[in-house]
Amino acid sequence: MLLEDIRSIELEITTKCNARCPQCVRNYYGSTTWDNLPIMDMPLEDFKQSMPKEIWTTLKHIRFCGTYGDPLMHRELIDFIKHIKEQNADIAITINTNGGIRSVSWWQELAEILGSNDLVFFGIDGLKDTNHLHRIDVDFDKVINNLTAFNRAGGRSIWSYIVFEHNEHQVEEARELSQHLGCLDFKVKSTSRFVDKTHTPIEQAPVMDMEHNIIRWIKPAKGKYRNTGYDDVNNVIKKYGTWEKYLEQADIDCISKKDGYTYIAANGEVFPCGFLSDRMYGFESENHRDHQIMISMMNLLGGRHKINLFKTPLKEIIEDGWFPSIEQSWTTNQIHRCANQCGTQSNLIQQANKDLKEVWNG
């Protein structure tokens, strides 16, 4: 991949979050945040100085989202957007958030600076009696007030709804509410996270309190919104014996390479996608073989600073060092995360995002 091939960047500007979603890599089943996760904001000035000028002429899309944080937790989010618009006003901006952050006036200001190609995805997984079962600590009424203010001020929003067993009966009611509130669209996501360590589909996952006690369970959707990719996983396991054996020989068709997409973490580290970034910190990540393999690959390049935008030119990261070494690893399936997410015989991730992908890519 060349620098000029990058058309879309996912920019994680903070690792902070106001929520404790139980299947998020930043915490332990909805309880405490991992001690080793760096809690930080990306410095705006570092971003300004490090992004190569030539990328602003070819870049089409920047998505404020990420692996560990909610972008609205960064106090300079609006300043990031203003800077991007100054470089190229035609770049489409999308923001993914749980919506339970900031004041109504802040949301009105955001609507005023965003353009006709820009979108905000509000992750609202149910109604008042169910949204908090996944979006723990998020106030539903505050979300609706923020969403309403944003829409009335001219913002373009999409209600993004992760479907579970506990909220699948409310999908149509939520869809109607989204229309009433003035959302541009309503999109569903069939979660792909109900698998165990061996990638075998499971029927439930725990939700824990702050003392790590299981207080309830969440379950995947059972009806029309069930992710059919779980069937692919079961079929692969039957064919190869174990998911591990499949990963060792899977053909990898990298979605990021096809889409001209890359990911920049809050600390400046650059990855082809967020799925590799989430092997850096968190639950079952730092003890995972992929973490150790990627650290070894970085060390061969000279250290982690060699993949960091703030210390190494982005062109070098993408064309000369880090990205080529990752692509080379596909010949031996060295990084199982790549085979897991982009192996050609599993469609779990693609099915989860099929209703959203066309919007993200504009």
Protein backbone atom coordinates (compact mmCIF):
# COMPACT_ATOMS: atom_id res chain seq x y z
CA MET A 1 0.00 0.00 0.00
CA LEU A 2 1.16 3.53 -0.79
CA LEU A 3 0.41 6.71 1.13
CA GLU A 4 -1.63 7.93 -1.81
CA ASP A 5 -3.81 4.81 -1.58
CA ILE A 6 -5.13 5.83 1.84
CA ARG A 7 -8.67 7.09 1.33
CA SER A 8 -10.07 6.61 4.83
CA ILE A 9 -8.56 7.04 8.29
CA GLU A 10 -10.05 5.91 11.58
CA LEU A 11 -8.76 8.37 14.15
CA GLU A 12 -8.92 7.46 17.83
CA ILE A 13 -8.20 10.73 19.59
CA THR A 14 -8.79 9.47 23.14
CA THR A 15 -8.81 6.30 25.19
CA LYS A 16 -11.29 7.80 27.66
CA CYS A 17 -14.90 6.67 27.80
CA ASN A 18 -17.95 7.45 29.92
CA ALA A 19 -19.44 3.98 29.40
CA ARG A 20 -18.63 0.44 30.54
CA CYS A 21 -19.94 -1.74 27.74
CA PRO A 22 -19.44 -5.35 28.91
CA GLN A 23 -17.94 -6.63 25.64
CA CYS A 24 -15.51 -3.75 25.19
CA VAL A 25 -11.80 -4.55 25.28
CA ARG A 26 -11.09 -1.58 27.59
CA ASN A 27 -12.70 -3.16 30.66
CA TYR A 28 -13.35 -6.49 32.35
CA TYR A 29 -16.90 -7.47 31.36
CA GLY A 30 -18.31 -4.04 32.16
CA SER A 31 -16.43 -3.58 35.43
CA THR A 32 -13.04 -1.92 36.00
CA THR A 33 -10.88 -0.46 33.25
CA TRP A 34 -7.63 -2.33 32.69
CA ASP A 35 -4.82 -0.84 34.78
CA ASN A 36 -2.34 -1.05 31.91
CA LEU A 37 -4.51 0.86 29.42
CA PRO A 38 -2.95 4.32 28.89
CA ILE A 39 -5.67 6.87 29.63
CA MET A 40 -4.83 9.73 27.31
CA ASP A 41 -5.91 12.25 24.70
CA MET A 42 -4.14 12.68 21.38
CA PRO A 43 -2.42 16.10 21.37
CA LEU A 44 -3.96 18.20 18.62
CA GLU A 45 -0.68 19.97 17.89
CA ASP A 46 1.11 16.64 17.40
CA PHE A 47 -1.57 15.61 14.93
CA LYS A 48 -1.29 18.89 13.02
CA GLN A 49 2.48 18.67 12.75
CA SER A 50 2.67 14.97 11.91
CA MET A 51 0.09 14.53 9.16
CA PRO A 52 1.82 14.86 5.77
CA LYS A 53 0.47 17.68 3.66
CA GLU A 54 0.05 15.52 0.57
CA ILE A 55 -2.46 13.23 2.26
CA TRP A 56 -5.05 16.00 2.46
CA THR A 57 -5.40 16.00 -1.33
CA THR A 58 -6.26 12.30 -1.63
CA LEU A 59 -8.01 11.54 1.68
CA LYS A 60 -11.78 11.16 1.36
CA HIS A 61 -12.94 10.24 4.85
CA ILE A 62 -11.96 10.52 8.51
CA ARG A 63 -13.85 8.49 11.06
CA PHE A 64 -13.61 9.54 14.71
CA CYS A 65 -14.13 6.28 16.52
CA GLY A 66 -11.61 3.86 17.90
CA THR A 67 -10.97 0.78 19.95
CA TYR A 68 -10.82 2.06 23.52
CA GLY A 69 -12.47 5.48 23.77
CA ASP A 70 -15.38 7.67 22.78
CA PRO A 71 -14.20 10.66 20.71
CA LEU A 72 -16.49 13.07 22.54
CA MET A 73 -14.39 12.57 25.68
CA HIS A 74 -11.67 14.64 23.99
CA ARG A 75 -12.30 18.30 24.77
CA GLU A 76 -10.75 19.41 21.49
CA LEU A 77 -12.81 17.24 19.14
CA ILE A 78 -14.36 20.28 17.49
CA ASP A 79 -10.89 21.79 17.02
CA PHE A 80 -9.73 18.57 15.34
CA ILE A 81 -12.66 18.83 12.93
CA LYS A 82 -12.02 22.51 12.21
CA HIS A 83 -8.38 21.75 11.40
CA ILE A 84 -9.35 18.94 9.03
CA LYS A 85 -11.88 21.18 7.29
CA GLU A 86 -9.18 23.82 6.85
CA GLN A 87 -6.98 21.28 5.05
CA ASN A 88 -9.75 19.97 2.78
CA ALA A 89 -13.38 20.95 3.27
CA ASP A 90 -14.55 18.05 1.11
CA ILE A 91 -13.27 15.32 3.45
CA ALA A 92 -16.25 13.49 4.91
CA ILE A 93 -16.31 13.29 8.71
CA THR A 94 -18.09 10.57 10.65
CA ILE A 95 -18.21 10.37 14.43
CA ASN A 96 -19.19 7.30 16.45
CA THR A 97 -20.38 7.98 20.00
CA ASN A 98 -22.74 6.71 22.66
CA GLY A 99 -24.19 10.22 22.70
CA GLY A 100 -24.28 10.59 26.48
CA ILE A 101 -21.55 13.22 26.65
CA ARG A 102 -21.46 17.03 26.40
CA SER A 103 -24.17 19.68 26.67
CA VAL A 104 -27.00 20.51 24.33
CA SER A 105 -25.20 23.74 23.33
CA TRP A 106 -22.06 21.76 22.47
CA TRP A 107 -24.09 19.51 20.18
CA GLN A 108 -25.63 22.54 18.51
CA GLU A 109 -22.14 23.92 17.85
CA LEU A 110 -21.04 20.59 16.40
CA ALA A 111 -24.00 20.60 14.00
CA GLU A 112 -23.02 24.06 12.81
CA ILE A 113 -19.45 23.13 11.86
CA LEU A 114 -20.25 19.81 10.17
CA GLY A 115 -21.15 19.77 6.50
CA SER A 116 -23.56 18.00 4.19
CA ASN A 117 -21.23 14.99 3.81
CA ASP A 118 -20.70 14.52 7.55
CA LEU A 119 -22.48 12.12 9.89
CA VAL A 120 -22.70 11.31 13.57
CA PHE A 121 -23.52 7.72 14.54
CA PHE A 122 -25.32 7.55 17.87
CA GLY A 123 -24.79 4.10 19.41
CA ILE A 124 -28.14 3.57 21.16
CA ASP A 125 -28.81 -0.09 21.86
CA GLY A 126 -32.43 -0.08 22.91
CA LEU A 127 -34.88 2.24 24.63
CA LYS A 128 -34.97 3.75 28.12
CA ASP A 129 -35.45 0.36 29.80
CA THR A 130 -32.77 -1.52 27.82
CA ASN A 131 -30.05 0.79 26.46
CA HIS A 132 -28.19 0.82 29.79
CA LEU A 133 -27.98 -2.99 29.83
CA HIS A 134 -25.20 -2.69 27.26
CA ARG A 135 -24.27 1.00 27.38
CA ILE A 136 -23.62 0.88 31.12
CA ASP A 137 -23.51 4.33 32.82
CA VAL A 138 -25.02 6.08 29.78
CA ASP A 139 -28.10 8.19 30.60
CA PHE A 140 -30.73 7.47 27.93
CA ASP A 141 -32.60 10.74 28.47
CA LYS A 142 -29.40 12.74 28.05
CA VAL A 143 -28.63 10.87 24.82
CA ILE A 144 -32.06 11.66 23.40
CA ASN A 145 -31.76 15.33 24.40
CA ASN A 146 -28.35 15.56 22.70
CA LEU A 147 -29.57 13.76 19.61
CA THR A 148 -32.62 16.01 19.37
CA ALA A 149 -30.55 19.18 19.75
CA PHE A 150 -28.06 18.03 17.13
CA ASN A 151 -30.76 17.18 14.60
CA ARG A 152 -32.71 20.40 15.16
CA ALA A 153 -29.51 22.41 14.64
CA GLY A 154 -29.09 20.84 11.20
CA GLY A 155 -26.86 17.89 12.05
CA ARG A 156 -27.05 14.63 10.12
CA SER A 157 -27.36 11.65 12.45
CA ILE A 158 -27.74 7.91 12.22
CA TRP A 159 -29.10 5.81 15.07
CA SER A 160 -26.83 2.75 15.25
CA TYR A 161 -28.43 -0.13 17.16
CA ILE A 162 -26.57 -3.26 18.32
CA VAL A 163 -29.14 -6.01 18.59
CA PHE A 164 -29.16 -8.42 21.54
CA GLU A 165 -31.78 -10.81 22.80
CA HIS A 166 -32.86 -8.28 25.42
CA ASN A 167 -33.56 -5.49 22.90
CA GLU A 168 -34.47 -7.20 19.63
CA HIS A 169 -38.19 -6.79 20.39
CA GLN A 170 -37.68 -2.99 20.38
CA VAL A 171 -35.97 -2.55 17.03
CA GLU A 172 -39.01 -1.28 15.15
CA GLU A 173 -40.11 0.98 17.99
CA ALA A 174 -36.60 2.47 18.11
CA ARG A 175 -36.63 2.88 14.34
CA GLU A 176 -39.88 4.84 14.55
CA LEU A 177 -38.46 7.00 17.34
CA SER A 178 -35.37 7.75 15.26
CA GLN A 179 -37.60 9.01 12.45
CA HIS A 180 -39.63 11.11 14.86
CA LEU A 181 -36.43 12.69 16.21
CA GLY A 182 -35.20 13.58 12.73
CA CYS A 183 -32.42 11.04 12.25
CA LEU A 184 -31.23 10.59 8.70
CA ASP A 185 -31.33 6.80 9.03
CA PHE A 186 -31.51 3.85 11.41
CA LYS A 187 -28.97 1.04 11.14
CA VAL A 188 -28.77 -2.27 12.96
CA LYS A 189 -25.64 -4.19 13.88
CA SER A 190 -25.68 -7.91 14.61
CA THR A 191 -22.88 -8.27 17.12
CA SER A 192 -19.98 -10.62 16.37
CA ARG A 193 -18.59 -10.81 19.90
CA PHE A 194 -20.32 -13.91 21.22
CA VAL A 195 -17.38 -16.28 20.80
CA ASP A 196 -15.05 -17.79 23.40
CA LYS A 197 -11.24 -18.00 23.47
CA THR A 198 -11.31 -20.79 20.90
CA HIS A 199 -13.67 -18.73 18.74
CA THR A 200 -16.51 -21.18 19.31
CA PRO A 201 -19.88 -19.35 19.34
CA ILE A 202 -21.36 -18.99 22.83
CA GLU A 203 -24.93 -18.36 23.99
CA GLN A 204 -24.24 -15.72 26.63
CA ALA A 205 -21.58 -13.44 28.10
CA PRO A 206 -21.27 -12.11 31.65
CA VAL A 207 -21.83 -8.59 32.92
CA MET A 208 -19.90 -7.75 36.09
CA ASP A 209 -20.07 -5.08 38.77
CA MET A 210 -17.05 -3.10 39.95
CA GLU A 211 -16.03 -5.92 42.29
CA HIS A 212 -15.99 -8.39 39.37
CA ASN A 213 -19.13 -10.19 40.48
CA ILE A 214 -21.41 -11.48 37.72
CA ILE A 215 -24.69 -9.58 38.03
CA ARG A 216 -26.40 -10.71 34.82
CA TRP A 217 -25.81 -12.15 31.37
CA ILE A 218 -26.28 -10.73 27.91
CA LYS A 219 -27.20 -12.89 24.95
CA PRO A 220 -27.05 -12.49 21.16
CA ALA A 221 -30.17 -11.90 19.12
CA LYS A 222 -32.08 -15.07 18.34
CA GLY A 223 -34.43 -13.89 15.61
CA LYS A 224 -34.04 -12.10 12.29
CA TYR A 225 -31.14 -10.01 13.61
CA ARG A 226 -28.96 -12.95 14.56
CA ASN A 227 -25.53 -12.73 12.92
CA THR A 228 -25.47 -15.55 10.35
CA GLY A 229 -21.67 -15.39 10.43
CA TYR A 230 -21.78 -17.63 13.49
CA ASP A 231 -22.85 -20.42 11.13
CA ASP A 232 -19.71 -19.81 9.07
CA VAL A 233 -17.62 -20.13 12.22
CA ASN A 234 -19.24 -23.44 13.14
CA ASN A 235 -18.76 -24.74 9.61
CA VAL A 236 -15.08 -23.77 9.62
CA ILE A 237 -14.51 -25.53 12.94
CA LYS A 238 -16.20 -28.67 11.58
CA LYS A 239 -14.02 -28.54 8.46
CA TYR A 240 -10.65 -27.87 10.11
CA GLY A 241 -11.18 -29.46 13.52
CA THR A 242 -10.40 -26.28 15.47
CA TRP A 243 -10.48 -22.57 14.77
CA GLU A 244 -6.74 -22.44 15.49
CA LYS A 245 -6.02 -24.85 12.63
CA TYR A 246 -8.12 -22.72 10.29
CA LEU A 247 -6.21 -19.57 11.27
CA GLU A 248 -2.93 -21.26 10.43
CA GLN A 249 -3.94 -21.79 6.80
CA ALA A 250 -6.71 -19.29 6.04
CA ASP A 251 -6.47 -17.15 2.93
CA ILE A 252 -6.41 -13.51 4.01
CA ASP A 253 -8.23 -10.86 2.00
CA CYS A 254 -7.43 -7.68 3.93
CA ILE A 255 -10.45 -5.39 4.09
CA SER A 256 -8.30 -2.39 5.02
CA LYS A 257 -6.05 -2.82 2.00
CA LYS A 258 -9.04 -3.18 -0.34
CA ASP A 259 -10.75 -0.12 1.11
CA GLY A 260 -7.64 2.08 1.39
CA TYR A 261 -8.20 2.38 5.14
CA THR A 262 -5.86 2.84 8.09
CA TYR A 263 -6.12 3.42 11.82
CA ILE A 264 -4.28 5.89 14.07
CA ALA A 265 -4.35 5.31 17.83
CA ALA A 266 -4.47 8.04 20.47
CA ASN A 267 -0.76 7.58 21.23
CA GLY A 268 0.09 8.04 17.54
CA GLU A 269 0.65 4.38 16.67
CA VAL A 270 -0.54 3.42 13.20
CA PHE A 271 -2.13 0.10 12.25
CA PRO A 272 -3.86 -1.17 9.13
CA CYS A 273 -7.00 -1.50 11.28
CA GLY A 274 -8.34 -1.18 14.80
CA PHE A 275 -8.51 -4.96 15.11
CA LEU A 276 -4.73 -5.03 15.33
CA SER A 277 -4.59 -2.07 17.69
CA ASP A 278 -6.84 -3.87 20.15
CA ARG A 279 -4.13 -6.51 20.60
CA MET A 280 -2.00 -3.89 22.37
CA TYR A 281 -3.87 -3.47 25.65
CA GLY A 282 -6.72 -4.98 27.59
CA PHE A 283 -8.50 -8.18 28.39
CA GLU A 284 -6.66 -11.24 27.04
CA SER A 285 -4.69 -9.01 24.65
CA GLU A 286 -1.26 -8.57 26.16
CA ASN A 287 -1.00 -12.29 26.90
CA HIS A 288 -2.11 -13.17 23.39
CA ARG A 289 0.40 -14.58 20.92
CA ASP A 290 -0.45 -11.83 18.42
CA HIS A 291 0.61 -9.17 20.91
CA GLN A 292 4.00 -10.78 21.36
CA ILE A 293 4.44 -11.36 17.63
CA MET A 294 3.62 -7.76 16.74
CA ILE A 295 5.94 -6.43 19.46
CA SER A 296 8.71 -8.62 18.00
CA MET A 297 7.97 -7.28 14.52
CA MET A 298 8.15 -3.70 15.83
CA ASN A 299 11.47 -4.45 17.53
CA LEU A 300 12.89 -5.77 14.26
CA LEU A 301 12.01 -2.41 12.72
CA GLY A 302 13.85 -0.60 15.54
CA GLY A 303 11.16 -0.27 18.21
CA ARG A 304 7.58 0.90 18.70
CA HIS A 305 8.53 4.44 17.72
CA LYS A 306 8.84 3.09 14.16
CA ILE A 307 5.07 2.69 13.95
CA ASN A 308 4.28 6.00 15.65
CA LEU A 309 3.05 8.91 13.54
CA PHE A 310 4.50 11.42 15.97
CA LYS A 311 8.01 9.93 15.70
CA THR A 312 8.17 8.39 12.22
CA PRO A 313 6.77 9.80 8.96
CA LEU A 314 3.44 8.26 7.97
CA LYS A 315 4.76 7.52 4.48
CA GLU A 316 7.60 5.46 5.95
CA ILE A 317 5.24 3.56 8.27
CA ILE A 318 2.92 2.64 5.41
CA GLU A 319 5.36 2.09 2.56
CA ASP A 320 8.74 1.09 3.99
CA GLY A 321 8.42 -0.62 7.34
CA TRP A 322 5.45 -1.54 9.43
CA PHE A 323 2.69 -2.12 6.87
CA PRO A 324 4.88 -4.15 4.46
CA SER A 325 5.97 -6.38 7.34
CA ILE A 326 2.35 -7.02 8.29
CA GLU A 327 1.45 -7.83 4.70
CA GLN A 328 4.42 -10.18 4.47
CA SER A 329 3.16 -12.00 7.57
CA TRP A 330 0.03 -13.04 5.66
CA THR A 331 2.09 -15.56 3.67
CA THR A 332 2.53 -17.63 6.84
CA ASN A 333 -0.50 -16.39 8.82
CA GLN A 334 1.88 -15.21 11.51
CA ILE A 335 -0.66 -12.78 12.99
CA HIS A 336 -3.78 -14.78 13.74
CA ARG A 337 -5.82 -11.61 14.20
CA CYS A 338 -5.53 -10.93 10.47
CA ALA A 339 -6.78 -14.41 9.60
CA ASN A 340 -9.49 -14.15 12.24
CA GLN A 341 -10.92 -10.89 10.91
CA CYS A 342 -10.23 -11.19 7.18
CA GLY A 343 -10.00 -14.92 6.52
CA THR A 344 -12.02 -15.70 3.42
CA GLN A 345 -14.02 -18.55 4.96
CA SER A 346 -15.45 -16.58 7.86
CA ASN A 347 -17.95 -13.79 7.43
CA LEU A 348 -18.71 -12.96 11.05
CA ILE A 349 -17.23 -9.44 11.11
CA GLN A 350 -18.56 -8.55 7.67
CA GLN A 351 -22.07 -9.62 8.64
CA ALA A 352 -21.91 -7.57 11.82
CA ASN A 353 -21.14 -4.38 9.89
CA LYS A 354 -22.96 -4.97 6.61
CA ASP A 355 -25.66 -2.40 7.36
CA LEU A 356 -23.07 0.23 8.29
CA LYS A 357 -20.18 -0.30 5.90
CA GLU A 358 -21.75 1.45 2.93
CA VAL A 359 -22.34 4.53 5.05
CA TRP A 360 -18.84 4.58 6.52
CA ASN A 361 -17.30 4.34 3.06
CA GLY A 362 -19.57 7.04 1.67
